[in-house]
């Protein structure tokens, strides 16, 4: 339960600006891709920081590292509303994302050490559910408060929410029992470089990292630019109404633990493939210029993404060597947030230059590539139970 609140505190802050991107664009005079850099900066900071956080966690422990990261991120987030220069704002968002990297860098390795391998997927699903609640609450709060009082107050309200969630995490997170600090081991283990390279030489690990890179990139891009699409023709929705669409995150809250349980029963690969298929089906529905159809497509897209993410992220440490699990999870999240940073910004130029239809076609191609990689590479690992 502690990690659930850690996920809330992390992901509410990470995407606090996403619901107010049109307001930031108006305030700064930039376009959709420029304002989306406030999201990409935080996810880039997280991507850069996950490996250093994992190395620190190997020495001082999983829970202390996660606690330190959350406290630092909350303090940095509290400074964000006072940034009146876009460069300062992006710098703060970058640093905040780097601090937030402590949770995803360590959480899954922590679970894999404390829980039997058979049940890691289900436990990871519960953690992912916390990330969906955080992502949803941060966007909803920022969007509603932002429309009434401006985007700065919207972001500030999210920081307050995250401070409460971080305090609950610190109170509830149990101390690790299956972890031994690397400096205290009697035998010298492999070097950090060797642990990283062991994962990077594994076809299974690379395929799992590709899932995070492609699917997260597609997911963040859709949520970045959906508001711009729906505030224009033929919908002309207000910010308050657009913000309500972030309630689609509840589909991910439901699908992530369900996907974990299905993976335990039926195997990880079938659930991963099925989740990507649901995600792609949602993209197809969003081509239709009717709001009810777009909403249904967004629900399917969100449920499919979080189902796939729950399976892939939980699979990563289980498939890794026992002394390289933290690095395996960190590399997964490096790819995951690199995809968010790259495609969350790059597809903005596609949207601005070619329109919603071409943008969705690019997202659909990313889903298809992810599915192909999974089918070609992960069969043997799935059959062996790794």
Foldseek 3Di string as FASTA:
>chain_A
DLLLLLLLLLQLLLCLCLLVLVLVCVLVVHDLLLSLLLNLLLLLLLLVQLLVLLLVCLAPHLLVSSLQLSVVLLVLLLCLLVDPDVVVNSVSSNVSSNSSNSSLLRVLLLLPQADPLLQSLLVLLSSLLSNLNNNLVSSLQQLVVCVVPNNSVSSNVSSVVSVVSSVSSNVPPDGRDRHDRQVPDPDHDDDSVVLLVQLVPALLLVLLLLLLLLLLLLVLQCSNCVVVVQCDPPRVDDSNVNSVLSVLSVLLSVQSSVLSVVCSVPNLLVQLLVLLVQLLQLLVQCVDPDVVSVSVSSSSNNSSSSSNVSSSLNVQLVPGDSVNSSSSSSSSSSSNSVSNSVSNNVLSCVCVPPNDVVSSVVSSVSSVVSSVSSVVRCPVVRVVVD
